Amino acid sequence: MEKVEYGAWESFPKVAIRKGVFVAGTPIWKRMPTKYEGDVLYNKLWNFWVRAGAVADPGSDRIFRDFEVANADSDALLKDVGFPWKKAETEEEVWARIGMAWNWLRDHVVHDDQAYGTVSLVDGEWPSISDYARYYVQHGNLVWSACFSKAHLFATLLGRMIYPRFRFGIAEAHHTEDGAPPAATHDYVGVYVSDRWFYLDPTAVYSEAFPGFEQRKSVAVKAFTTVDYQHPYNFIPVPLSGLKDVPLFAGLRRLR
């Protein structure tokens, strides 16, 4: 019997590496250097990398409460965002819709911690699509607060306007901004377009223009230099996504 050699065990995830395993010339396993967790083990899934042994957050139905609800208010909100009530058939159309939501957020959402506390009608829960829509119809704009609220609203709109839903989710990565400890978390959005995962930080909608399809790339807050955007430690897919993994994201470099 062939002897199997294993590399050092990772503290997270707890997966052993079998050395020298290849598929079509590409390693199945690969250690990726991260900013705060050392080298983390990734494995190939389809045509992208995911954290080996890591499972996407299973609480999407709770975090994205009543995600499938549709009513006159939600229809009005999605219409104003620009949803054309038909499926995006090409990757160019998908990217364009993401940009449409990005630009709409820039023009129609303001930061207001106090007002954000009134958006959800269920105490202790994140707003549902109905909550967002009701607030928008009543006030003519929307509000958000800290980074998770921004990512939550952005992912909610994308999940309702674009299919299949495995393309979207909330990503969580470590950072040390403003002297925070390395265990601190920053939340943003991950999107899968044209066979690649990108990170898009909605905190940047006011400062960064959304790139066109030919120039597609990840978009970060330039001032957030310590956020490990490419290596989220957790991923919260939108409901009915089907994705159960934590993907590696492409960097800021423009595609060629």
Protein backbone atom coordinates (compact mmCIF):
# COMPACT_ATOMS: atom_id res chain seq x y z
CA MET A 1 0.00 0.00 0.00
CA GLU A 2 1.25 3.48 -0.88
CA LYS A 3 2.42 5.44 2.12
CA VAL A 4 0.56 8.72 2.59
CA GLU A 5 2.50 11.64 4.00
CA TYR A 6 0.66 14.49 5.67
CA GLY A 7 1.82 18.00 6.35
CA ALA A 8 1.36 19.84 9.61
CA TRP A 9 -2.19 20.04 10.92
CA GLU A 10 -3.82 23.42 10.74
CA SER A 11 -5.38 24.82 13.90
CA PHE A 12 -8.15 26.13 11.61
CA PRO A 13 -9.39 24.36 9.64
CA LYS A 14 -8.44 20.95 11.05
CA VAL A 15 -7.67 19.28 7.76
CA ALA A 16 -4.60 17.27 6.79
CA ILE A 17 -2.87 17.88 3.48
CA ARG A 18 -1.93 14.98 1.28
CA LYS A 19 1.24 16.05 -0.50
CA GLY A 20 1.59 16.04 -4.24
CA VAL A 21 -2.05 15.55 -5.24
CA PHE A 22 -2.89 17.18 -8.57
CA VAL A 23 -5.94 17.55 -10.80
CA ALA A 24 -5.23 18.57 -14.40
CA GLY A 25 -1.90 19.95 -13.25
CA THR A 26 -3.43 22.15 -10.53
CA PRO A 27 -2.89 21.43 -6.82
CA ILE A 28 -6.08 20.55 -4.98
CA TRP A 29 -4.68 21.98 -1.75
CA LYS A 30 -2.86 25.24 -1.27
CA ARG A 31 -1.69 27.24 1.73
CA MET A 32 -2.60 30.91 1.43
CA PRO A 33 -0.82 33.57 3.51
CA THR A 34 -3.25 35.79 5.42
CA LYS A 35 -2.71 38.99 7.35
CA TYR A 36 -3.67 37.70 10.80
CA GLU A 37 -4.10 33.92 10.72
CA GLY A 38 -0.81 32.82 9.25
CA ASP A 39 -0.98 30.37 6.35
CA VAL A 40 -4.51 29.02 5.94
CA LEU A 41 -5.27 25.88 3.97
CA TYR A 42 -7.56 26.23 0.91
CA ASN A 43 -8.87 23.64 -1.51
CA LYS A 44 -10.17 23.97 -5.05
CA LEU A 45 -13.95 23.96 -5.52
CA TRP A 46 -15.15 24.19 -9.12
CA ASN A 47 -12.90 26.93 -10.49
CA PHE A 48 -12.18 28.85 -7.27
CA TRP A 49 -10.57 28.34 -3.88
CA VAL A 50 -12.40 27.87 -0.56
CA ARG A 51 -11.18 27.47 3.00
CA ALA A 52 -10.62 23.79 3.60
CA GLY A 53 -12.94 22.49 6.30
CA ALA A 54 -14.69 25.84 6.78
CA VAL A 55 -18.47 25.93 6.44
CA ALA A 56 -20.46 29.00 5.45
CA ASP A 57 -22.67 30.47 8.17
CA PRO A 58 -25.90 28.43 8.32
CA GLY A 59 -27.95 31.28 9.79
CA SER A 60 -28.87 33.05 6.56
CA ASP A 61 -32.62 32.51 6.99
CA ARG A 62 -32.47 34.31 10.33
CA ILE A 63 -30.11 37.08 9.20
CA PHE A 64 -32.08 37.62 5.98
CA ARG A 65 -35.49 37.37 7.58
CA ASP A 66 -38.56 36.92 5.31
CA PHE A 67 -36.32 37.13 2.27
CA GLU A 68 -38.95 35.92 -0.20
CA VAL A 69 -41.72 38.30 0.90
CA ALA A 70 -43.04 40.54 -1.86
CA ASN A 71 -45.59 43.32 -1.57
CA ALA A 72 -46.35 46.74 -3.04
CA ASP A 73 -43.62 48.40 -0.99
CA SER A 74 -40.92 45.90 -1.95
CA ASP A 75 -41.97 46.17 -5.59
CA ALA A 76 -41.66 49.95 -5.38
CA LEU A 77 -38.20 49.72 -3.79
CA LEU A 78 -36.82 47.27 -6.35
CA LYS A 79 -38.34 49.27 -9.20
CA ASP A 80 -36.64 52.44 -7.99
CA VAL A 81 -33.32 50.62 -7.68
CA GLY A 82 -33.76 49.73 -11.35
CA PHE A 83 -34.79 46.08 -11.31
CA PRO A 84 -36.23 45.34 -14.81
CA TRP A 85 -38.28 42.31 -13.62
CA LYS A 86 -36.42 39.82 -15.78
CA LYS A 87 -33.44 37.55 -15.32
CA ALA A 88 -29.95 38.81 -16.10
CA GLU A 89 -28.91 36.43 -18.89
CA THR A 90 -25.21 37.31 -19.28
CA GLU A 91 -22.31 37.98 -16.96
CA GLU A 92 -22.22 41.54 -18.30
CA GLU A 93 -25.85 42.00 -17.26
CA VAL A 94 -25.13 40.58 -13.81
CA TRP A 95 -22.22 42.96 -13.30
CA ALA A 96 -24.30 45.87 -14.57
CA ARG A 97 -27.06 45.12 -12.04
CA ILE A 98 -24.54 44.98 -9.22
CA GLY A 99 -23.28 48.38 -10.33
CA MET A 100 -26.83 49.67 -10.54
CA ALA A 101 -27.40 48.72 -6.89
CA TRP A 102 -24.03 50.22 -5.92
CA ASN A 103 -24.89 53.56 -7.51
CA TRP A 104 -28.39 53.56 -6.06
CA LEU A 105 -27.02 53.04 -2.56
CA ARG A 106 -24.65 55.96 -3.09
CA ASP A 107 -27.52 58.27 -4.04
CA HIS A 108 -30.30 57.07 -1.72
CA VAL A 109 -28.77 55.86 1.56
CA VAL A 110 -27.34 57.96 4.39
CA HIS A 111 -25.55 56.99 7.58
CA ASP A 112 -27.86 57.51 10.56
CA ASP A 113 -27.37 55.28 13.60
CA GLN A 114 -30.51 56.46 15.39
CA ALA A 115 -32.84 56.17 12.41
CA TYR A 116 -31.44 52.74 11.51
CA GLY A 117 -32.72 51.45 14.83
CA THR A 118 -36.27 52.11 13.61
CA VAL A 119 -36.02 50.23 10.29
CA SER A 120 -36.66 46.71 11.59
CA LEU A 121 -40.11 46.06 13.03
CA VAL A 122 -38.80 43.05 14.98
CA ASP A 123 -36.70 43.92 18.02
CA GLY A 124 -33.25 42.38 17.95
CA GLU A 125 -33.49 41.27 14.32
CA TRP A 126 -31.90 42.61 11.17
CA PRO A 127 -34.33 44.35 8.79
CA SER A 128 -36.23 42.25 6.27
CA ILE A 129 -36.78 43.31 2.67
CA SER A 130 -40.24 44.42 3.77
CA ASP A 131 -38.77 46.57 6.55
CA TYR A 132 -36.38 48.26 4.14
CA ALA A 133 -39.16 48.79 1.61
CA ARG A 134 -41.62 50.20 4.17
CA TYR A 135 -39.01 52.68 5.44
CA TYR A 136 -38.08 53.68 1.89
CA VAL A 137 -41.71 54.32 0.85
CA GLN A 138 -42.32 56.36 3.99
CA HIS A 139 -39.13 58.45 3.90
CA GLY A 140 -37.97 58.47 0.28
CA ASN A 141 -34.53 57.16 1.23
CA LEU A 142 -32.86 54.47 3.32
CA VAL A 143 -30.42 54.56 6.22
CA TRP A 144 -27.65 52.32 7.45
CA SER A 145 -25.22 52.24 10.33
CA ALA A 146 -22.12 50.10 10.95
CA CYS A 147 -20.47 47.92 8.31
CA PHE A 148 -22.73 44.87 8.79
CA SER A 149 -25.83 46.97 8.13
CA LYS A 150 -24.27 48.21 4.89
CA ALA A 151 -23.34 44.71 3.74
CA HIS A 152 -26.76 43.40 4.76
CA LEU A 153 -28.68 45.95 2.70
CA PHE A 154 -26.41 45.53 -0.34
CA ALA A 155 -26.64 41.72 -0.24
CA THR A 156 -30.42 41.88 0.26
CA LEU A 157 -30.89 43.94 -2.90
CA LEU A 158 -28.53 41.78 -4.95
CA GLY A 159 -30.16 38.55 -3.81
CA ARG A 160 -33.59 39.83 -4.81
CA MET A 161 -32.52 41.20 -8.21
CA ILE A 162 -30.09 38.57 -9.54
CA TYR A 163 -30.18 34.78 -9.92
CA PRO A 164 -28.73 32.28 -9.17
CA ARG A 165 -28.26 33.35 -5.59
CA PHE A 166 -25.06 31.42 -4.91
CA ARG A 167 -23.35 34.50 -6.36
CA PHE A 168 -23.82 36.65 -3.24
CA GLY A 169 -23.21 36.79 0.46
CA ILE A 170 -21.85 38.80 3.38
CA ALA A 171 -18.14 38.29 4.03
CA GLU A 172 -16.41 38.81 7.36
CA ALA A 173 -12.67 39.48 7.61
CA HIS A 174 -10.22 40.50 10.32
CA HIS A 175 -8.63 43.94 10.58
CA THR A 176 -6.75 46.25 12.94
CA GLU A 177 -8.21 49.62 11.86
CA ASP A 178 -7.92 52.38 14.46
CA GLY A 179 -5.92 50.10 16.74
CA ALA A 180 -8.53 47.33 16.89
CA PRO A 181 -7.31 43.86 17.94
CA PRO A 182 -6.63 41.38 15.09
CA ALA A 183 -9.81 39.48 16.01
CA ALA A 184 -11.93 42.51 15.03
CA THR A 185 -14.34 42.00 12.13
CA HIS A 186 -15.19 44.07 9.08
CA ASP A 187 -18.23 43.12 6.97
CA TYR A 188 -18.62 43.58 3.22
CA VAL A 189 -20.09 41.67 0.25
CA GLY A 190 -18.74 38.90 -1.94
CA VAL A 191 -20.00 38.46 -5.52
CA TYR A 192 -19.30 35.74 -8.08
CA VAL A 193 -19.17 37.01 -11.66
CA SER A 194 -17.59 35.55 -14.79
CA ASP A 195 -16.01 32.61 -12.96
CA ARG A 196 -14.42 34.68 -10.22
CA TRP A 197 -15.19 35.92 -6.72
CA PHE A 198 -14.83 39.64 -6.04
CA TYR A 199 -15.19 41.62 -2.82
CA LEU A 200 -17.25 44.80 -2.83
CA ASP A 201 -17.32 46.98 0.27
CA PRO A 202 -20.49 49.12 0.31
CA THR A 203 -18.81 51.47 2.77
CA ALA A 204 -16.97 52.70 -0.34
CA VAL A 205 -20.04 53.64 -2.39
CA TYR A 206 -19.51 57.33 -1.59
CA SER A 207 -15.83 57.35 -2.53
CA GLU A 208 -15.28 54.71 -5.24
CA ALA A 209 -16.88 54.56 -8.68
CA PHE A 210 -18.14 51.15 -9.68
CA PRO A 211 -15.99 49.75 -12.52
CA GLY A 212 -17.44 48.67 -15.85
CA PHE A 213 -17.49 45.02 -16.87
CA GLU A 214 -14.28 45.19 -18.89
CA GLN A 215 -12.54 46.80 -15.90
CA ARG A 216 -14.22 44.61 -13.27
CA LYS A 217 -12.31 44.24 -10.03
CA SER A 218 -12.82 44.16 -6.31
CA VAL A 219 -13.64 47.47 -4.62
CA ALA A 220 -12.38 48.31 -1.13
CA VAL A 221 -12.29 51.34 1.11
CA LYS A 222 -8.83 52.66 0.27
CA ALA A 223 -8.30 53.97 3.78
CA PHE A 224 -8.97 50.50 5.27
CA THR A 225 -5.45 49.23 4.64
CA THR A 226 -5.52 46.56 7.37
CA VAL A 227 -8.68 44.70 6.31
CA ASP A 228 -7.86 41.22 4.99
CA TYR A 229 -10.46 41.53 2.24
CA GLN A 230 -9.20 38.57 0.20
CA HIS A 231 -9.39 36.06 3.05
CA PRO A 232 -12.76 36.25 4.83
CA TYR A 233 -12.96 33.86 7.76
CA ASN A 234 -16.76 33.62 7.47
CA PHE A 235 -19.32 33.91 4.69
CA ILE A 236 -23.09 34.35 5.06
CA PRO A 237 -24.83 33.39 1.80
CA VAL A 238 -28.19 34.87 0.95
CA PRO A 239 -31.11 32.41 1.37
CA LEU A 240 -31.44 29.66 -1.24
CA SER A 241 -27.84 30.20 -2.27
CA GLY A 242 -26.71 26.60 -2.02
CA LEU A 243 -23.12 27.68 -1.39
CA LYS A 244 -21.78 26.09 1.78
CA ASP A 245 -18.17 27.26 1.65
CA VAL A 246 -16.03 30.31 2.45
CA PRO A 247 -14.43 31.50 -0.80
CA LEU A 248 -11.14 33.25 -1.51
CA PHE A 249 -11.68 36.62 -3.20
CA ALA A 250 -9.83 38.20 -6.10
CA GLY A 251 -7.69 41.20 -5.32
CA LEU A 252 -7.79 44.77 -6.49
CA ARG A 253 -5.77 44.07 -9.62
CA ARG A 254 -7.72 44.68 -12.82
CA LEU A 255 -8.48 41.62 -14.93
CA ARG A 256 -6.68 41.23 -18.23
